[in-house]
PDB file of N, CA and C in Angstrom:
ATOM      1  N   UNK A   1       1.168  -1.086   0.355  1.00  0.00           N
ATOM      2  CA  UNK A   1       0.043   0.218   0.281  1.00  0.00           C
ATOM      3  C   UNK A   1       0.884   1.213  -0.204  1.00  0.00           C
ATOM      4  N   UNK A   2       0.383   2.288  -0.576  1.00  0.00           N
ATOM      5  CA  UNK A   2       1.460   3.184  -0.882  1.00  0.00           C
ATOM      6  C   UNK A   2       1.160   4.145   0.148  1.00  0.00           C
ATOM      7  N   UNK A   3       2.463   5.318   0.888  1.00  0.00           N
ATOM      8  CA  UNK A   3       2.072   5.930   1.789  1.00  0.00           C
ATOM      9  C   UNK A   3       1.388   7.265   1.855  1.00  0.00           C
ATOM     10  N   UNK A   4       1.110   7.643   0.182  1.00  0.00           N
ATOM     11  CA  UNK A   4       1.065   8.596  -0.374  1.00  0.00           C
ATOM     12  C   UNK A   4      -0.864   8.910   0.116  1.00  0.00           C
ATOM     13  N   UNK A   5      -0.881   9.706   0.473  1.00  0.00           N
ATOM     14  CA  UNK A   5      -2.643   9.631   0.765  1.00  0.00           C
ATOM     15  C   UNK A   5      -3.590  10.200  -0.413  1.00  0.00           C
ATOM     16  N   UNK A   6      -4.419   9.429  -0.474  1.00  0.00           N
ATOM     17  CA  UNK A   6      -5.624   9.319  -1.464  1.00  0.00           C
ATOM     18  C   UNK A   6      -6.376  10.545  -1.581  1.00  0.00           C
ATOM     19  N   UNK A   7      -6.246  10.997  -3.013  1.00  0.00           N
ATOM     20  CA  UNK A   7      -7.213  12.729  -2.909  1.00  0.00           C
ATOM     21  C   UNK A   7      -8.550  12.400  -3.029  1.00  0.00           C
ATOM     22  N   UNK A   8      -9.134  13.403  -2.716  1.00  0.00           N
ATOM     23  CA  UNK A   8     -10.297  13.613  -2.229  1.00  0.00           C
ATOM     24  C   UNK A   8     -11.535  13.445  -3.734  1.00  0.00           C
ATOM     25  N   UNK A   9     -12.227  13.546  -3.512  1.00  0.00           N
ATOM     26  CA  UNK A   9     -14.109  13.054  -4.763  1.00  0.00           C
ATOM     27  C   UNK A   9     -14.058  14.235  -4.943  1.00  0.00           C
ATOM     28  N   UNK A  10     -14.182  14.298  -6.111  1.00  0.00           N
ATOM     29  CA  UNK A  10     -14.733  15.221  -7.127  1.00  0.00           C
ATOM     30  C   UNK A  10     -15.785  15.138  -8.206  1.00  0.00           C
ATOM     31  N   UNK A  11     -16.490  16.063  -8.761  1.00  0.00           N
ATOM     32  CA  UNK A  11     -17.561  15.832  -9.834  1.00  0.00           C
ATOM     33  C   UNK A  11     -17.542  16.544 -10.359  1.00  0.00           C
ATOM     34  N   UNK A  12     -18.105  16.001 -12.173  1.00  0.00           N
ATOM     35  CA  UNK A  12     -17.932  16.227 -12.827  1.00  0.00           C
ATOM     36  C   UNK A  12     -19.228  16.260 -13.858  1.00  0.00           C
ATOM     37  N   UNK A  13     -19.743  17.571 -14.125  1.00  0.00           N
ATOM     38  CA  UNK A  13     -20.994  17.580 -14.689  1.00  0.00           C
ATOM     39  C   UNK A  13     -20.803  17.670 -16.936  1.00  0.00           C
ATOM     40  N   UNK A  14     -21.389  16.902 -17.227  1.00  0.00           N
ATOM     41  CA  UNK A  14     -21.368  16.481 -18.552  1.00  0.00           C
ATOM     42  C   UNK A  14     -21.723  17.607 -18.997  1.00  0.00           C
ATOM     43  N   UNK A  15     -21.851  17.735 -20.792  1.00  0.00           N
ATOM     44  CA  UNK A  15     -21.806  19.311 -21.410  1.00  0.00           C
ATOM     45  C   UNK A  15     -23.462  19.722 -21.208  1.00  0.00           C
ATOM     46  N   UNK A  16     -24.341  18.662 -21.330  1.00  0.00           N
ATOM     47  CA  UNK A  16     -26.055  18.869 -21.653  1.00  0.00           C
ATOM     48  C   UNK A  16     -26.237  19.647 -20.118  1.00  0.00           C
ATOM     49  N   UNK A  17     -25.827  18.798 -18.986  1.00  0.00           N
ATOM     50  CA  UNK A  17     -26.288  19.039 -17.548  1.00  0.00           C
ATOM     51  C   UNK A  17     -25.958  20.432 -17.515  1.00  0.00           C
ATOM     52  N   UNK A  18     -24.653  20.870 -17.798  1.00  0.00           N
ATOM     53  CA  UNK A  18     -23.985  22.317 -17.630  1.00  0.00           C
ATOM     54  C   UNK A  18     -24.345  23.271 -18.381  1.00  0.00           C
ATOM     55  N   UNK A  19     -24.840  22.750 -20.040  1.00  0.00           N
ATOM     56  CA  UNK A  19     -25.784  24.123 -20.391  1.00  0.00           C
ATOM     57  C   UNK A  19     -27.076  24.211 -19.666  1.00  0.00           C
ATOM     58  N   UNK A  20     -27.795  22.910 -19.326  1.00  0.00           N
ATOM     59  CA  UNK A  20     -28.616  24.018 -18.279  1.00  0.00           C
ATOM     60  C   UNK A  20     -28.471  24.273 -17.325  1.00  0.00           C
ATOM     61  N   UNK A  21     -27.366  23.922 -16.339  1.00  0.00           N
ATOM     62  CA  UNK A  21     -27.073  24.858 -15.146  1.00  0.00           C
ATOM     63  C   UNK A  21     -26.552  26.105 -15.370  1.00  0.00           C
ATOM     64  N   UNK A  22     -26.005  26.790 -16.634  1.00  0.00           N
ATOM     65  CA  UNK A  22     -25.843  27.821 -17.470  1.00  0.00           C
ATOM     66  C   UNK A  22     -27.314  28.752 -17.778  1.00  0.00           C
ATOM     67  N   UNK A  23     -28.384  27.763 -17.777  1.00  0.00           N
ATOM     68  CA  UNK A  23     -29.874  28.854 -17.975  1.00  0.00           C
ATOM     69  C   UNK A  23     -30.532  29.296 -16.820  1.00  0.00           C
ATOM     70  N   UNK A  24     -30.007  28.670 -15.964  1.00  0.00           N
ATOM     71  CA  UNK A  24     -30.670  28.961 -14.910  1.00  0.00           C
ATOM     72  C   UNK A  24     -30.378  30.192 -14.020  1.00  0.00           C
ATOM     73  N   UNK A  25     -31.359  30.994 -13.876  1.00  0.00           N
ATOM     74  CA  UNK A  25     -30.885  31.786 -12.451  1.00  0.00           C
ATOM     75  C   UNK A  25     -29.349  31.784 -11.911  1.00  0.00           C
ATOM     76  N   UNK A  26     -28.673  32.870 -11.347  1.00  0.00           N
ATOM     77  CA  UNK A  26     -27.495  32.548 -10.802  1.00  0.00           C
ATOM     78  C   UNK A  26     -27.731  32.090  -9.439  1.00  0.00           C
ATOM     79  N   UNK A  27     -28.772  32.106  -8.676  1.00  0.00           N
ATOM     80  CA  UNK A  27     -29.043  31.922  -7.310  1.00  0.00           C
ATOM     81  C   UNK A  27     -29.615  30.053  -7.413  1.00  0.00           C
ATOM     82  N   UNK A  28     -30.035  29.698  -8.364  1.00  0.00           N
ATOM     83  CA  UNK A  28     -30.123  28.550  -8.557  1.00  0.00           C
ATOM     84  C   UNK A  28     -28.709  28.052  -8.990  1.00  0.00           C
ATOM     85  N   UNK A  29     -28.564  28.150 -10.025  1.00  0.00           N
ATOM     86  CA  UNK A  29     -27.191  27.575 -10.491  1.00  0.00           C
ATOM     87  C   UNK A  29     -26.212  27.648  -9.435  1.00  0.00           C
ATOM     88  N   UNK A  30     -25.818  28.531  -8.274  1.00  0.00           N
ATOM     89  CA  UNK A  30     -25.247  28.176  -7.192  1.00  0.00           C
ATOM     90  C   UNK A  30     -25.710  27.299  -6.168  1.00  0.00           C
ATOM     91  N   UNK A  31     -26.699  26.903  -6.318  1.00  0.00           N
ATOM     92  CA  UNK A  31     -27.519  26.195  -5.439  1.00  0.00           C
ATOM     93  C   UNK A  31     -27.213  25.353  -5.764  1.00  0.00           C
ATOM     94  N   UNK A  32     -27.349  24.350  -7.034  1.00  0.00           N
ATOM     95  CA  UNK A  32     -27.548  23.385  -7.529  1.00  0.00           C
ATOM     96  C   UNK A  32     -25.954  22.959  -7.389  1.00  0.00           C
ATOM     97  N   UNK A  33     -24.801  24.258  -8.231  1.00  0.00           N
ATOM     98  CA  UNK A  33     -23.553  23.392  -7.956  1.00  0.00           C
ATOM     99  C   UNK A  33     -22.976  23.524  -6.497  1.00  0.00           C
ATOM    100  N   UNK A  34     -23.458  24.103  -5.659  1.00  0.00           N
ATOM    101  CA  UNK A  34     -23.080  23.762  -4.518  1.00  0.00           C
ATOM    102  C   UNK A  34     -23.262  22.448  -3.902  1.00  0.00           C
ATOM    103  N   UNK A  35     -24.327  22.299  -4.100  1.00  0.00           N
ATOM    104  CA  UNK A  35     -25.009  20.626  -3.487  1.00  0.00           C
ATOM    105  C   UNK A  35     -24.289  19.181  -4.418  1.00  0.00           C
ATOM    106  N   UNK A  36     -23.764  19.882  -5.493  1.00  0.00           N
ATOM    107  CA  UNK A  36     -23.185  18.951  -6.322  1.00  0.00           C
ATOM    108  C   UNK A  36     -21.411  19.102  -5.492  1.00  0.00           C
ATOM    109  N   UNK A  37     -20.958  19.909  -5.280  1.00  0.00           N
ATOM    110  CA  UNK A  37     -19.774  19.855  -4.873  1.00  0.00           C
ATOM    111  C   UNK A  37     -20.059  18.727  -3.233  1.00  0.00           C
ATOM    112  N   UNK A  38     -20.845  19.212  -2.746  1.00  0.00           N
ATOM    113  CA  UNK A  38     -20.933  18.823  -1.261  1.00  0.00           C
ATOM    114  C   UNK A  38     -21.489  17.183  -1.527  1.00  0.00           C
ATOM    115  N   UNK A  39     -22.119  16.653  -2.581  1.00  0.00           N
ATOM    116  CA  UNK A  39     -22.561  15.293  -2.928  1.00  0.00           C
ATOM    117  C   UNK A  39     -21.292  14.371  -3.268  1.00  0.00           C
ATOM    118  N   UNK A  40     -20.527  15.284  -3.695  1.00  0.00           N
ATOM    119  CA  UNK A  40     -19.392  14.482  -4.100  1.00  0.00           C
ATOM    120  C   UNK A  40     -18.565  14.010  -2.687  1.00  0.00           C
ATOM    121  N   UNK A  41     -18.234  14.646  -1.788  1.00  0.00           N
ATOM    122  CA  UNK A  41     -17.858  14.488  -0.543  1.00  0.00           C
ATOM    123  C   UNK A  41     -18.505  13.385   0.258  1.00  0.00           C
ATOM    124  N   UNK A  42     -19.666  13.689   0.152  1.00  0.00           N
ATOM    125  CA  UNK A  42     -21.107  12.882   0.784  1.00  0.00           C
ATOM    126  C   UNK A  42     -20.892  11.246   0.021  1.00  0.00           C
ATOM    127  N   UNK A  43     -20.785  11.006  -0.976  1.00  0.00           N
ATOM    128  CA  UNK A  43     -20.967  10.069  -1.806  1.00  0.00           C
ATOM    129  C   UNK A  43     -19.963   9.370  -2.056  1.00  0.00           C
ATOM    130  N   UNK A  44     -18.623   9.920  -1.678  1.00  0.00           N
ATOM    131  CA  UNK A  44     -17.588   9.526  -1.825  1.00  0.00           C
ATOM    132  C   UNK A  44     -16.883   9.237  -0.347  1.00  0.00           C
ATOM    133  N   UNK A  45     -17.430   9.648   0.592  1.00  0.00           N
ATOM    134  CA  UNK A  45     -17.685   9.081   1.948  1.00  0.00           C
ATOM    135  C   UNK A  45     -17.785   7.914   2.096  1.00  0.00           C
ATOM    136  N   UNK A  46     -19.240   7.697   1.548  1.00  0.00           N
ATOM    137  CA  UNK A  46     -19.860   6.691   1.751  1.00  0.00           C
ATOM    138  C   UNK A  46     -19.504   5.114   0.608  1.00  0.00           C
ATOM    139  N   UNK A  47     -18.806   5.688  -0.095  1.00  0.00           N
ATOM    140  CA  UNK A  47     -18.073   4.545  -0.951  1.00  0.00           C
ATOM    141  C   UNK A  47     -16.926   4.418  -0.581  1.00  0.00           C
ATOM    142  N   UNK A  48     -15.833   5.056   0.170  1.00  0.00           N
ATOM    143  CA  UNK A  48     -15.264   4.614   0.818  1.00  0.00           C
ATOM    144  C   UNK A  48     -15.391   3.684   2.206  1.00  0.00           C
ATOM    145  N   UNK A  49     -16.553   3.906   2.775  1.00  0.00           N
ATOM    146  CA  UNK A  49     -16.815   2.636   3.940  1.00  0.00           C
ATOM    147  C   UNK A  49     -17.692   1.690   3.631  1.00  0.00           C
ATOM    148  N   UNK A  50     -17.685   1.108   2.291  1.00  0.00           N
ATOM    149  CA  UNK A  50     -18.249   0.648   1.893  1.00  0.00           C
ATOM    150  C   UNK A  50     -19.930   0.394   1.935  1.00  0.00           C
ATOM    151  N   UNK A  51     -20.412   1.731   1.909  1.00  0.00           N
ATOM    152  CA  UNK A  51     -21.826   2.076   2.035  1.00  0.00           C
ATOM    153  C   UNK A  51     -22.447   2.573   0.949  1.00  0.00           C
ATOM    154  N   UNK A  52     -24.169   2.667   0.261  1.00  0.00           N
ATOM    155  CA  UNK A  52     -24.690   2.908  -0.584  1.00  0.00           C
ATOM    156  C   UNK A  52     -24.442   4.520  -0.441  1.00  0.00           C
ATOM    157  N   UNK A  53     -23.824   4.746  -1.400  1.00  0.00           N
ATOM    158  CA  UNK A  53     -23.995   6.837  -1.398  1.00  0.00           C
ATOM    159  C   UNK A  53     -25.252   6.932  -1.816  1.00  0.00           C
ATOM    160  N   UNK A  54     -25.646   8.360  -1.465  1.00  0.00           N
ATOM    161  CA  UNK A  54     -27.235   9.066  -1.440  1.00  0.00           C
ATOM    162  C   UNK A  54     -28.077   8.816  -2.919  1.00  0.00           C
ATOM    163  N   UNK A  55     -28.908   8.885  -2.558  1.00  0.00           N
ATOM    164  CA  UNK A  55     -30.074   8.750  -3.458  1.00  0.00           C
ATOM    165  C   UNK A  55     -30.612   7.573  -4.117  1.00  0.00           C
ATOM    166  N   UNK A  56     -31.638   7.204  -5.195  1.00  0.00           N
ATOM    167  CA  UNK A  56     -32.045   5.926  -5.564  1.00  0.00           C
ATOM    168  C   UNK A  56     -31.445   5.469  -6.111  1.00  0.00           C
ATOM    169  N   UNK A  57     -31.208   4.011  -6.355  1.00  0.00           N
ATOM    170  CA  UNK A  57     -30.367   3.164  -6.932  1.00  0.00           C
ATOM    171  C   UNK A  57     -31.137   2.873  -8.616  1.00  0.00           C
ATOM    172  N   UNK A  58     -30.615   3.497  -9.673  1.00  0.00           N
ATOM    173  CA  UNK A  58     -30.703   3.448 -11.395  1.00  0.00           C
ATOM    174  C   UNK A  58     -30.502   2.195 -11.854  1.00  0.00           C
ATOM    175  N   UNK A  59     -29.585   1.105 -10.887  1.00  0.00           N
ATOM    176  CA  UNK A  59     -29.356   0.364 -11.382  1.00  0.00           C
ATOM    177  C   UNK A  59     -28.974  -0.874 -10.322  1.00  0.00           C
ATOM    178  N   UNK A  60     -28.547  -2.040 -11.059  1.00  0.00           N
ATOM    179  CA  UNK A  60     -28.076  -3.085  -9.716  1.00  0.00           C
ATOM    180  C   UNK A  60     -26.918  -3.305  -9.521  1.00  0.00           C
ATOM    181  N   UNK A  61     -25.926  -2.417 -10.400  1.00  0.00           N
ATOM    182  CA  UNK A  61     -24.572  -2.038  -9.861  1.00  0.00           C
ATOM    183  C   UNK A  61     -23.861  -1.650  -9.286  1.00  0.00           C
ATOM    184  N   UNK A  62     -24.560  -0.617  -8.382  1.00  0.00           N
ATOM    185  CA  UNK A  62     -24.179   0.350  -7.437  1.00  0.00           C
ATOM    186  C   UNK A  62     -23.427   1.244  -8.204  1.00  0.00           C
ATOM    187  N   UNK A  63     -23.791   1.610  -9.354  1.00  0.00           N
ATOM    188  CA  UNK A  63     -23.161   2.669  -9.974  1.00  0.00           C
ATOM    189  C   UNK A  63     -24.105   3.888 -10.391  1.00  0.00           C
ATOM    190  N   UNK A  64     -24.862   4.079 -10.273  1.00  0.00           N
ATOM    191  CA  UNK A  64     -26.192   5.084 -11.108  1.00  0.00           C
ATOM    192  C   UNK A  64     -27.217   4.891 -10.179  1.00  0.00           C
ATOM    193  N   UNK A  65     -27.296   6.472  -9.798  1.00  0.00           N
ATOM    194  CA  UNK A  65     -28.228   7.215  -8.504  1.00  0.00           C
ATOM    195  C   UNK A  65     -28.945   8.228  -8.917  1.00  0.00           C
ATOM    196  N   UNK A  66     -30.344   8.456  -8.331  1.00  0.00           N
ATOM    197  CA  UNK A  66     -31.094   9.312  -8.910  1.00  0.00           C
ATOM    198  C   UNK A  66     -31.393  10.335  -7.492  1.00  0.00           C
ATOM    199  N   UNK A  67     -31.474  11.660  -7.700  1.00  0.00           N
ATOM    200  CA  UNK A  67     -31.506  12.578  -6.633  1.00  0.00           C
ATOM    201  C   UNK A  67     -32.531  13.666  -7.020  1.00  0.00           C
ATOM    202  N   UNK A  68     -32.903  14.770  -6.495  1.00  0.00           N
ATOM    203  CA  UNK A  68     -33.629  15.663  -6.219  1.00  0.00           C
ATOM    204  C   UNK A  68     -32.640  17.100  -5.413  1.00  0.00           C
ATOM    205  N   UNK A  69     -32.369  17.881  -6.150  1.00  0.00           N
ATOM    206  CA  UNK A  69     -31.852  18.670  -4.874  1.00  0.00           C
ATOM    207  C   UNK A  69     -32.916  19.355  -4.139  1.00  0.00           C
ATOM    208  N   UNK A  70     -32.162  19.520  -2.638  1.00  0.00           N
ATOM    209  CA  UNK A  70     -33.396  19.597  -1.717  1.00  0.00           C
ATOM    210  C   UNK A  70     -33.858  20.738  -2.020  1.00  0.00           C
ATOM    211  N   UNK A  71     -35.552  21.209  -1.680  1.00  0.00           N
ATOM    212  CA  UNK A  71     -36.303  22.209  -1.936  1.00  0.00           C
ATOM    213  C   UNK A  71     -35.942  23.082  -3.572  1.00  0.00           C
ATOM    214  N   UNK A  72     -35.488  22.605  -4.037  1.00  0.00           N
ATOM    215  CA  UNK A  72     -35.325  23.059  -5.851  1.00  0.00           C
ATOM    216  C   UNK A  72     -36.203  22.243  -6.728  1.00  0.00           C
ATOM    217  N   UNK A  73     -36.166  23.015  -7.626  1.00  0.00           N
ATOM    218  CA  UNK A  73     -36.917  22.146  -8.952  1.00  0.00           C
ATOM    219  C   UNK A  73     -35.869  21.016  -9.614  1.00  0.00           C
ATOM    220  N   UNK A  74     -34.949  20.454  -8.873  1.00  0.00           N
ATOM    221  CA  UNK A  74     -34.065  19.973 -10.033  1.00  0.00           C
ATOM    222  C   UNK A  74     -33.607  18.580  -9.929  1.00  0.00           C
ATOM    223  N   UNK A  75     -34.005  18.000 -10.612  1.00  0.00           N
ATOM    224  CA  UNK A  75     -33.786  16.290 -10.609  1.00  0.00           C
ATOM    225  C   UNK A  75     -32.365  15.744 -11.373  1.00  0.00           C
ATOM    226  N   UNK A  76     -31.517  14.951 -10.819  1.00  0.00           N
ATOM    227  CA  UNK A  76     -30.434  14.724 -11.767  1.00  0.00           C
ATOM    228  C   UNK A  76     -29.428  13.184 -11.182  1.00  0.00           C
ATOM    229  N   UNK A  77     -29.149  12.490 -12.646  1.00  0.00           N
ATOM    230  CA  UNK A  77     -28.913  11.157 -11.808  1.00  0.00           C
ATOM    231  C   UNK A  77     -27.070  11.750 -12.092  1.00  0.00           C
ATOM    232  N   UNK A  78     -26.384  10.379 -10.857  1.00  0.00           N
ATOM    233  CA  UNK A  78     -25.159  11.081 -11.246  1.00  0.00           C
ATOM    234  C   UNK A  78     -24.474   9.840 -11.062  1.00  0.00           C
ATOM    235  N   UNK A  79     -23.028   9.174 -11.772  1.00  0.00           N
ATOM    236  CA  UNK A  79     -22.686   7.859 -11.568  1.00  0.00           C
ATOM    237  C   UNK A  79     -21.482   8.490 -10.763  1.00  0.00           C
ATOM    238  N   UNK A  80     -21.201   6.731 -10.410  1.00  0.00           N
ATOM    239  CA  UNK A  80     -19.802   6.737  -9.403  1.00  0.00           C
ATOM    240  C   UNK A  80     -18.955   5.564 -10.005  1.00  0.00           C
ATOM    241  N   UNK A  81     -17.452   6.588  -9.669  1.00  0.00           N
ATOM    242  CA  UNK A  81     -15.966   6.045 -10.455  1.00  0.00           C
ATOM    243  C   UNK A  81     -15.410   5.951  -9.333  1.00  0.00           C
ATOM    244  N   UNK A  82     -15.295   4.875  -8.762  1.00  0.00           N
ATOM    245  CA  UNK A  82     -14.823   4.688  -7.723  1.00  0.00           C
ATOM    246  C   UNK A  82     -13.060   4.464  -8.198  1.00  0.00           C
ATOM    247  N   UNK A  83     -12.878   3.694  -9.383  1.00  0.00           N
ATOM    248  CA  UNK A  83     -11.124   3.833  -9.310  1.00  0.00           C
ATOM    249  C   UNK A  83     -10.413   5.672  -9.609  1.00  0.00           C
ATOM    250  N   UNK A  84     -11.414   6.358 -10.199  1.00  0.00           N
ATOM    251  CA  UNK A  84     -10.989   7.308 -10.258  1.00  0.00           C
ATOM    252  C   UNK A  84     -11.504   8.819  -8.930  1.00  0.00           C
ATOM    253  N   UNK A  85     -12.107   8.037  -8.045  1.00  0.00           N
ATOM    254  CA  UNK A  85     -12.841   8.718  -7.339  1.00  0.00           C
ATOM    255  C   UNK A  85     -13.577  10.366  -7.673  1.00  0.00           C
ATOM    256  N   UNK A  86     -14.426   9.705  -8.829  1.00  0.00           N
ATOM    257  CA  UNK A  86     -15.365  10.728  -9.186  1.00  0.00           C
ATOM    258  C   UNK A  86     -16.570  10.418  -9.288  1.00  0.00           C
ATOM    259  N   UNK A  87     -17.584  11.519  -9.160  1.00  0.00           N
ATOM    260  CA  UNK A  87     -18.890  11.309  -9.481  1.00  0.00           C
ATOM    261  C   UNK A  87     -19.304  12.179 -10.953  1.00  0.00           C
ATOM    262  N   UNK A  88     -20.248  11.762 -11.765  1.00  0.00           N
ATOM    263  CA  UNK A  88     -20.526  12.504 -12.852  1.00  0.00           C
ATOM    264  C   UNK A  88     -21.909  12.788 -13.113  1.00  0.00           C
ATOM    265  N   UNK A  89     -21.937  13.587 -13.443  1.00  0.00           N
ATOM    266  CA  UNK A  89     -23.763  14.188 -13.982  1.00  0.00           C
ATOM    267  C   UNK A  89     -23.977  14.017 -15.243  1.00  0.00           C
ATOM    268  N   UNK A  90     -24.537  12.674 -15.477  1.00  0.00           N
ATOM    269  CA  UNK A  90     -24.925  12.842 -16.982  1.00  0.00           C
ATOM    270  C   UNK A  90     -26.283  13.302 -17.560  1.00  0.00           C
ATOM    271  N   UNK A  91     -27.296  13.529 -16.390  1.00  0.00           N
ATOM    272  CA  UNK A  91     -28.820  13.681 -16.916  1.00  0.00           C
ATOM    273  C   UNK A  91     -28.804  14.955 -15.756  1.00  0.00           C
ATOM    274  N   UNK A  92     -29.330  15.785 -15.958  1.00  0.00           N
ATOM    275  CA  UNK A  92     -30.196  16.711 -15.145  1.00  0.00           C
ATOM    276  C   UNK A  92     -31.199  17.604 -15.559  1.00  0.00           C
ATOM    277  N   UNK A  93     -32.385  17.469 -14.558  1.00  0.00           N
ATOM    278  CA  UNK A  93     -33.474  18.221 -15.013  1.00  0.00           C
ATOM    279  C   UNK A  93     -34.032  19.452 -14.886  1.00  0.00           C
ATOM    280  N   UNK A  94     -34.397  20.275 -15.124  1.00  0.00           N
ATOM    281  CA  UNK A  94     -34.905  21.427 -14.166  1.00  0.00           C
ATOM    282  C   UNK A  94     -36.518  21.592 -14.466  1.00  0.00           C
ATOM    283  N   UNK A  95     -37.023  21.595 -13.743  1.00  0.00           N
ATOM    284  CA  UNK A  95     -38.251  21.853 -13.920  1.00  0.00           C
ATOM    285  C   UNK A  95     -38.935  23.415 -13.734  1.00  0.00           C
ATOM    286  N   UNK A  96     -38.108  24.176 -13.779  1.00  0.00           N
ATOM    287  CA  UNK A  96     -38.621  25.474 -13.531  1.00  0.00           C
ATOM    288  C   UNK A  96     -39.031  26.033 -15.138  1.00  0.00           C
TER     289      UNK A  96
END
């Protein structure tokens, strides 16, 4: 095992969800961005502890999950990439 510390978890928002976020009012876009950054930390901690990450499972592999940003009209799906310590947002729906 390496003595080098593992890096933290990151969030990657794919192109279409990023375009949707850029069309949001600035306060909503900021709230969604902050939520997604926090989610990377929370989901990563869960995965590191061999627990399921937050959200509703969207597959049987433990890779794809669905969530709503609390208090906001935004639903999204995310995928977990354990080997690179990243969550990706391939689907985001703004109901506004």
